[in-house]
N, C-alpha and C. Protein backbone atom coordinates (compact mmCIF):
# COMPACT_ATOMS: atom_id res chain seq x y z
N MET A 1 126.49 -0.62 -64.41
CA MET A 1 126.83 0.63 -65.04
C MET A 1 127.34 0.31 -66.44
N ALA A 2 126.89 1.05 -67.42
CA ALA A 2 127.31 0.80 -68.80
C ALA A 2 128.26 1.89 -69.26
N ASP A 3 129.21 1.51 -70.12
CA ASP A 3 130.10 2.52 -70.69
C ASP A 3 129.47 3.03 -71.98
N GLY A 4 130.16 3.90 -72.68
CA GLY A 4 129.63 4.49 -73.91
C GLY A 4 129.27 3.47 -74.97
N GLY A 5 129.92 2.29 -74.95
CA GLY A 5 129.67 1.27 -75.96
C GLY A 5 128.53 0.34 -75.58
N GLY A 6 127.84 0.63 -74.47
CA GLY A 6 126.71 -0.21 -74.07
C GLY A 6 127.13 -1.45 -73.30
N ARG A 7 128.43 -1.62 -73.05
CA ARG A 7 128.89 -2.79 -72.30
C ARG A 7 128.95 -2.46 -70.82
N GLU A 8 128.71 -3.44 -69.99
CA GLU A 8 128.76 -3.26 -68.55
C GLU A 8 130.20 -3.19 -68.09
N GLN A 9 130.50 -2.22 -67.25
CA GLN A 9 131.84 -2.12 -66.69
C GLN A 9 131.96 -3.07 -65.52
N HIS A 10 133.12 -3.68 -65.40
CA HIS A 10 133.38 -4.59 -64.28
C HIS A 10 134.53 -4.04 -63.47
N ASP A 11 134.23 -3.69 -62.24
CA ASP A 11 135.33 -3.28 -61.38
C ASP A 11 135.68 -4.46 -60.48
N GLU A 12 136.79 -4.33 -59.79
CA GLU A 12 137.30 -5.44 -58.98
C GLU A 12 136.31 -5.88 -57.91
N GLN A 13 135.68 -4.93 -57.23
CA GLN A 13 134.74 -5.27 -56.16
C GLN A 13 133.54 -6.05 -56.70
N ARG A 14 133.01 -5.61 -57.83
CA ARG A 14 131.85 -6.28 -58.41
C ARG A 14 132.20 -7.71 -58.83
N CYS A 15 133.38 -7.90 -59.38
CA CYS A 15 133.78 -9.23 -59.84
C CYS A 15 134.06 -10.18 -58.68
N LYS A 16 134.30 -9.65 -57.49
CA LYS A 16 134.58 -10.50 -56.33
C LYS A 16 133.31 -10.86 -55.56
N GLN A 17 132.17 -10.34 -55.98
CA GLN A 17 130.92 -10.66 -55.31
C GLN A 17 130.53 -12.11 -55.59
N VAL A 18 129.78 -12.67 -54.67
CA VAL A 18 129.30 -14.04 -54.84
C VAL A 18 128.34 -14.08 -56.02
N ASP A 19 128.48 -15.11 -56.83
CA ASP A 19 127.62 -15.32 -57.99
C ASP A 19 126.15 -15.35 -57.55
N SER A 20 125.28 -14.71 -58.32
CA SER A 20 123.86 -14.64 -57.94
C SER A 20 123.20 -16.02 -57.93
N SER A 21 123.64 -16.93 -58.78
CA SER A 21 123.04 -18.27 -58.76
C SER A 21 123.42 -19.00 -57.47
N MET A 22 124.65 -18.82 -57.00
CA MET A 22 125.07 -19.44 -55.75
C MET A 22 124.29 -18.83 -54.58
N THR A 23 124.04 -17.55 -54.65
CA THR A 23 123.25 -16.88 -53.61
C THR A 23 121.85 -17.49 -53.55
N ARG A 24 121.23 -17.70 -54.71
CA ARG A 24 119.88 -18.29 -54.74
C ARG A 24 119.88 -19.70 -54.17
N VAL A 25 120.90 -20.49 -54.49
CA VAL A 25 120.99 -21.85 -53.97
C VAL A 25 121.03 -21.84 -52.44
N PHE A 26 121.89 -21.00 -51.88
CA PHE A 26 122.04 -21.01 -50.42
C PHE A 26 120.91 -20.28 -49.70
N GLU A 27 120.18 -19.42 -50.38
CA GLU A 27 118.98 -18.84 -49.78
C GLU A 27 117.97 -19.94 -49.49
N LEU A 28 117.92 -20.94 -50.34
CA LEU A 28 117.00 -22.06 -50.15
C LEU A 28 117.65 -23.17 -49.32
N PHE A 29 118.82 -23.65 -49.74
CA PHE A 29 119.44 -24.80 -49.09
C PHE A 29 120.24 -24.44 -47.84
N GLY A 30 120.41 -23.17 -47.58
CA GLY A 30 121.09 -22.76 -46.36
C GLY A 30 120.18 -22.84 -45.14
N LYS A 31 118.91 -23.07 -45.37
CA LYS A 31 117.96 -23.20 -44.26
C LYS A 31 118.01 -24.61 -43.71
N ARG A 32 117.93 -24.69 -42.40
CA ARG A 32 117.97 -25.99 -41.74
C ARG A 32 116.85 -26.88 -42.26
N TRP A 33 117.15 -28.13 -42.48
CA TRP A 33 116.25 -29.21 -42.88
C TRP A 33 116.01 -29.32 -44.38
N THR A 34 116.17 -28.26 -45.14
CA THR A 34 115.81 -28.29 -46.56
C THR A 34 116.55 -29.39 -47.32
N GLY A 35 117.85 -29.46 -47.16
CA GLY A 35 118.62 -30.48 -47.87
C GLY A 35 118.24 -31.89 -47.46
N LEU A 36 117.93 -32.07 -46.17
CA LEU A 36 117.53 -33.40 -45.70
C LEU A 36 116.19 -33.83 -46.30
N ILE A 37 115.28 -32.91 -46.42
CA ILE A 37 113.98 -33.23 -47.03
C ILE A 37 114.19 -33.68 -48.48
N VAL A 38 114.97 -32.92 -49.22
CA VAL A 38 115.24 -33.28 -50.61
C VAL A 38 115.95 -34.63 -50.68
N ALA A 39 116.90 -34.86 -49.77
CA ALA A 39 117.64 -36.13 -49.76
C ALA A 39 116.69 -37.31 -49.55
N VAL A 40 115.74 -37.17 -48.63
CA VAL A 40 114.77 -38.24 -48.40
C VAL A 40 113.93 -38.47 -49.66
N LEU A 41 113.51 -37.39 -50.28
CA LEU A 41 112.65 -37.51 -51.46
C LEU A 41 113.40 -38.00 -52.70
N THR A 42 114.73 -37.96 -52.68
CA THR A 42 115.46 -38.54 -53.83
C THR A 42 115.31 -40.05 -53.84
N GLU A 43 115.07 -40.62 -52.67
CA GLU A 43 114.90 -42.08 -52.58
C GLU A 43 113.54 -42.52 -53.10
N GLN A 44 112.49 -41.76 -52.73
CA GLN A 44 111.15 -42.12 -53.16
C GLN A 44 110.15 -41.05 -52.73
N GLN A 45 108.98 -41.08 -53.33
CA GLN A 45 107.88 -40.24 -52.91
C GLN A 45 107.57 -40.59 -51.46
N ALA A 46 107.12 -39.61 -50.66
CA ALA A 46 106.86 -39.89 -49.25
C ALA A 46 105.66 -39.10 -48.75
N TYR A 47 104.95 -39.71 -47.82
CA TYR A 47 103.88 -39.02 -47.13
C TYR A 47 104.49 -38.12 -46.07
N PHE A 48 103.72 -37.12 -45.64
CA PHE A 48 104.17 -36.16 -44.65
C PHE A 48 104.70 -36.89 -43.40
N ALA A 49 103.93 -37.85 -42.90
CA ALA A 49 104.34 -38.58 -41.69
C ALA A 49 105.64 -39.34 -41.89
N ASP A 50 105.83 -39.89 -43.10
CA ASP A 50 107.07 -40.60 -43.40
C ASP A 50 108.26 -39.65 -43.38
N LEU A 51 108.08 -38.46 -43.93
CA LEU A 51 109.15 -37.46 -43.90
C LEU A 51 109.48 -37.07 -42.47
N ARG A 52 108.46 -36.89 -41.68
CA ARG A 52 108.67 -36.50 -40.27
C ARG A 52 109.46 -37.58 -39.53
N ARG A 53 109.15 -38.84 -39.78
CA ARG A 53 109.89 -39.94 -39.12
C ARG A 53 111.32 -40.05 -39.65
N ALA A 54 111.51 -39.75 -40.91
CA ALA A 54 112.83 -39.90 -41.54
C ALA A 54 113.81 -38.82 -41.11
N ILE A 55 113.30 -37.71 -40.59
CA ILE A 55 114.15 -36.58 -40.22
C ILE A 55 113.95 -36.28 -38.74
N PRO A 56 114.71 -36.96 -37.88
CA PRO A 56 114.55 -36.75 -36.43
C PRO A 56 114.78 -35.30 -36.03
N GLY A 57 113.90 -34.79 -35.19
CA GLY A 57 114.07 -33.45 -34.66
C GLY A 57 113.29 -32.36 -35.39
N ILE A 58 112.78 -32.66 -36.58
CA ILE A 58 112.03 -31.63 -37.31
C ILE A 58 110.60 -31.58 -36.78
N SER A 59 110.08 -30.38 -36.57
CA SER A 59 108.70 -30.23 -36.11
C SER A 59 107.76 -30.29 -37.31
N GLU A 60 106.49 -30.56 -37.04
CA GLU A 60 105.50 -30.58 -38.11
C GLU A 60 105.43 -29.22 -38.79
N ARG A 61 105.46 -28.17 -38.01
CA ARG A 61 105.38 -26.81 -38.57
C ARG A 61 106.57 -26.52 -39.48
N MET A 62 107.78 -26.88 -39.03
CA MET A 62 108.97 -26.62 -39.83
C MET A 62 108.95 -27.45 -41.11
N LEU A 63 108.55 -28.71 -41.01
CA LEU A 63 108.46 -29.56 -42.19
C LEU A 63 107.46 -28.97 -43.19
N SER A 64 106.33 -28.54 -42.69
CA SER A 64 105.32 -27.94 -43.56
C SER A 64 105.86 -26.67 -44.23
N ASP A 65 106.54 -25.83 -43.46
CA ASP A 65 107.11 -24.60 -44.02
C ASP A 65 108.14 -24.90 -45.10
N ARG A 66 109.04 -25.85 -44.82
CA ARG A 66 110.09 -26.17 -45.80
C ARG A 66 109.50 -26.81 -47.06
N LEU A 67 108.50 -27.66 -46.89
CA LEU A 67 107.86 -28.27 -48.06
C LEU A 67 107.17 -27.21 -48.91
N THR A 68 106.58 -26.22 -48.27
CA THR A 68 105.95 -25.12 -49.02
C THR A 68 107.00 -24.35 -49.80
N GLU A 69 108.14 -24.05 -49.17
CA GLU A 69 109.23 -23.35 -49.86
C GLU A 69 109.75 -24.15 -51.04
N LEU A 70 109.93 -25.45 -50.84
CA LEU A 70 110.43 -26.31 -51.92
C LEU A 70 109.43 -26.40 -53.06
N SER A 71 108.16 -26.41 -52.72
CA SER A 71 107.11 -26.43 -53.73
C SER A 71 107.10 -25.12 -54.52
N THR A 72 107.20 -24.01 -53.81
CA THR A 72 107.23 -22.69 -54.45
C THR A 72 108.44 -22.56 -55.38
N ALA A 73 109.55 -23.17 -54.99
CA ALA A 73 110.77 -23.14 -55.80
C ALA A 73 110.70 -24.09 -56.98
N GLY A 74 109.65 -24.91 -57.05
CA GLY A 74 109.49 -25.83 -58.18
C GLY A 74 110.27 -27.12 -58.04
N LEU A 75 110.65 -27.47 -56.81
CA LEU A 75 111.44 -28.69 -56.58
C LEU A 75 110.60 -29.86 -56.07
N VAL A 76 109.46 -29.56 -55.48
CA VAL A 76 108.61 -30.59 -54.87
C VAL A 76 107.17 -30.40 -55.33
N VAL A 77 106.48 -31.51 -55.54
CA VAL A 77 105.06 -31.49 -55.87
C VAL A 77 104.30 -32.12 -54.71
N ARG A 78 103.24 -31.45 -54.31
CA ARG A 78 102.36 -31.93 -53.24
C ARG A 78 101.15 -32.59 -53.91
N GLU A 79 100.86 -33.83 -53.50
CA GLU A 79 99.73 -34.56 -54.08
C GLU A 79 98.82 -35.05 -52.96
N VAL A 80 97.52 -34.79 -53.11
CA VAL A 80 96.54 -35.19 -52.10
C VAL A 80 95.88 -36.48 -52.55
N ASP A 81 95.97 -37.51 -51.69
CA ASP A 81 95.27 -38.77 -51.93
C ASP A 81 93.92 -38.65 -51.22
N ALA A 82 92.84 -38.72 -52.00
CA ALA A 82 91.50 -38.46 -51.47
C ALA A 82 91.12 -39.35 -50.28
N GLY A 83 91.65 -40.56 -50.26
CA GLY A 83 91.36 -41.43 -49.11
C GLY A 83 90.02 -42.09 -49.24
N PRO A 84 89.37 -42.47 -48.19
CA PRO A 84 89.82 -42.20 -46.82
C PRO A 84 90.95 -43.12 -46.42
N PRO A 85 91.77 -42.73 -45.52
CA PRO A 85 91.88 -41.37 -44.97
C PRO A 85 92.59 -40.46 -45.97
N LEU A 86 92.36 -39.17 -45.81
CA LEU A 86 93.02 -38.16 -46.63
C LEU A 86 94.50 -38.17 -46.28
N ARG A 87 95.35 -38.30 -47.30
CA ARG A 87 96.80 -38.29 -47.07
C ARG A 87 97.46 -37.41 -48.10
N VAL A 88 98.54 -36.77 -47.69
CA VAL A 88 99.28 -35.89 -48.58
C VAL A 88 100.67 -36.48 -48.79
N SER A 89 101.06 -36.62 -50.06
CA SER A 89 102.39 -37.13 -50.37
C SER A 89 103.17 -36.06 -51.13
N TYR A 90 104.48 -36.26 -51.13
CA TYR A 90 105.38 -35.31 -51.77
C TYR A 90 106.36 -36.09 -52.63
N ARG A 91 106.67 -35.50 -53.79
CA ARG A 91 107.67 -36.09 -54.66
C ARG A 91 108.46 -34.96 -55.31
N LEU A 92 109.64 -35.30 -55.77
CA LEU A 92 110.47 -34.31 -56.45
C LEU A 92 110.02 -34.10 -57.88
N THR A 93 110.15 -32.89 -58.34
CA THR A 93 109.94 -32.58 -59.75
C THR A 93 111.23 -32.96 -60.49
N ASP A 94 111.24 -32.77 -61.78
CA ASP A 94 112.47 -33.02 -62.54
C ASP A 94 113.60 -32.14 -62.02
N ALA A 95 113.28 -30.89 -61.70
CA ALA A 95 114.30 -29.98 -61.16
C ALA A 95 114.82 -30.49 -59.82
N GLY A 96 113.94 -31.02 -58.99
CA GLY A 96 114.36 -31.57 -57.71
C GLY A 96 115.21 -32.82 -57.88
N ARG A 97 114.83 -33.68 -58.80
CA ARG A 97 115.61 -34.90 -59.05
C ARG A 97 116.99 -34.58 -59.61
N ALA A 98 117.10 -33.45 -60.30
CA ALA A 98 118.39 -33.05 -60.87
C ALA A 98 119.41 -32.71 -59.78
N LEU A 99 118.96 -32.53 -58.55
CA LEU A 99 119.86 -32.24 -57.42
C LEU A 99 120.56 -33.49 -56.89
N GLU A 100 120.08 -34.66 -57.24
CA GLU A 100 120.61 -35.90 -56.66
C GLU A 100 122.12 -36.04 -56.82
N PRO A 101 122.71 -35.83 -58.00
CA PRO A 101 124.17 -35.97 -58.10
C PRO A 101 124.92 -35.01 -57.17
N ALA A 102 124.43 -33.78 -57.05
CA ALA A 102 125.10 -32.81 -56.17
C ALA A 102 124.98 -33.24 -54.72
N LEU A 103 123.83 -33.75 -54.31
CA LEU A 103 123.66 -34.20 -52.93
C LEU A 103 124.54 -35.41 -52.63
N LYS A 104 124.65 -36.32 -53.58
CA LYS A 104 125.52 -37.48 -53.37
C LYS A 104 126.97 -37.05 -53.25
N GLU A 105 127.37 -36.09 -54.05
CA GLU A 105 128.75 -35.58 -53.98
C GLU A 105 129.00 -34.89 -52.64
N LEU A 106 128.05 -34.14 -52.16
CA LEU A 106 128.18 -33.51 -50.83
C LEU A 106 128.29 -34.57 -49.74
N SER A 107 127.55 -35.63 -49.88
CA SER A 107 127.61 -36.72 -48.90
C SER A 107 129.00 -37.37 -48.90
N ARG A 108 129.54 -37.61 -50.09
CA ARG A 108 130.90 -38.19 -50.17
C ARG A 108 131.92 -37.24 -49.57
N TRP A 109 131.77 -35.96 -49.84
CA TRP A 109 132.68 -34.97 -49.28
C TRP A 109 132.61 -34.99 -47.75
N ALA A 110 131.40 -35.04 -47.20
CA ALA A 110 131.23 -35.05 -45.75
C ALA A 110 131.86 -36.29 -45.13
N GLU A 111 131.77 -37.43 -45.79
CA GLU A 111 132.39 -38.64 -45.27
C GLU A 111 133.90 -38.48 -45.14
N GLY A 112 134.50 -37.75 -46.06
CA GLY A 112 135.94 -37.58 -46.04
C GLY A 112 136.44 -36.44 -45.19
N TYR A 113 135.62 -35.40 -45.03
CA TYR A 113 136.12 -34.19 -44.39
C TYR A 113 135.37 -33.74 -43.15
N LEU A 114 134.18 -34.27 -42.91
CA LEU A 114 133.43 -33.90 -41.72
C LEU A 114 133.23 -35.15 -40.86
N PRO A 115 134.06 -35.31 -39.85
CA PRO A 115 133.93 -36.50 -39.02
C PRO A 115 132.62 -36.48 -38.23
N GLU A 116 132.14 -37.67 -37.92
CA GLU A 116 130.93 -37.78 -37.11
C GLU A 116 131.18 -37.21 -35.74
N GLY A 117 130.14 -36.66 -35.13
CA GLY A 117 130.27 -36.13 -33.78
C GLY A 117 130.83 -34.72 -33.73
N GLY A 118 131.13 -34.12 -34.88
CA GLY A 118 131.56 -32.74 -34.90
C GLY A 118 133.02 -32.51 -34.55
N GLY A 119 133.82 -33.57 -34.45
CA GLY A 119 135.23 -33.39 -34.15
C GLY A 119 135.99 -32.86 -35.35
N CYS A 120 137.24 -32.60 -35.15
CA CYS A 120 138.08 -32.08 -36.23
C CYS A 120 138.60 -33.23 -37.10
N PRO A 121 138.68 -33.02 -38.41
CA PRO A 121 139.26 -34.05 -39.28
C PRO A 121 140.71 -34.32 -38.88
N GLU A 122 141.17 -35.52 -39.19
CA GLU A 122 142.51 -35.97 -38.82
C GLU A 122 143.60 -34.98 -39.21
N GLN A 123 143.54 -34.46 -40.45
CA GLN A 123 144.61 -33.58 -40.92
C GLN A 123 144.70 -32.29 -40.12
N PHE A 124 143.64 -31.92 -39.37
CA PHE A 124 143.69 -30.69 -38.57
C PHE A 124 144.02 -30.97 -37.11
N ARG A 125 144.20 -32.23 -36.74
CA ARG A 125 144.49 -32.57 -35.34
C ARG A 125 145.97 -32.79 -35.10
N ARG A 126 146.82 -32.52 -36.06
CA ARG A 126 148.26 -32.76 -35.93
C ARG A 126 148.93 -31.64 -35.19
């Protein structure tokens, strides 16, 4: 909503809404497996079968769906090796590689605050 001076009015409720850029991030990375796929690809380009082996529990269909989403978002490039045999590999774009520092920071955070096995961190068990 604009006031008479052409400036947007900010009310308290609007200012407390989640930032639209954060919403876009979690629309993509809030989906199961997406972050793990990107994490694997930060190490190196990988073939579909290599990604499937690197991420235990992911189905071929889910991996294919997530790779398509990441490609549509401009984070992953799909490359077909003519073969024989025909093989498809995936690598991160510059935008995808730019996620590496954030993923490493999340990993460090998890080491300190998310214990393995889903238990409660020490400071919450007192």
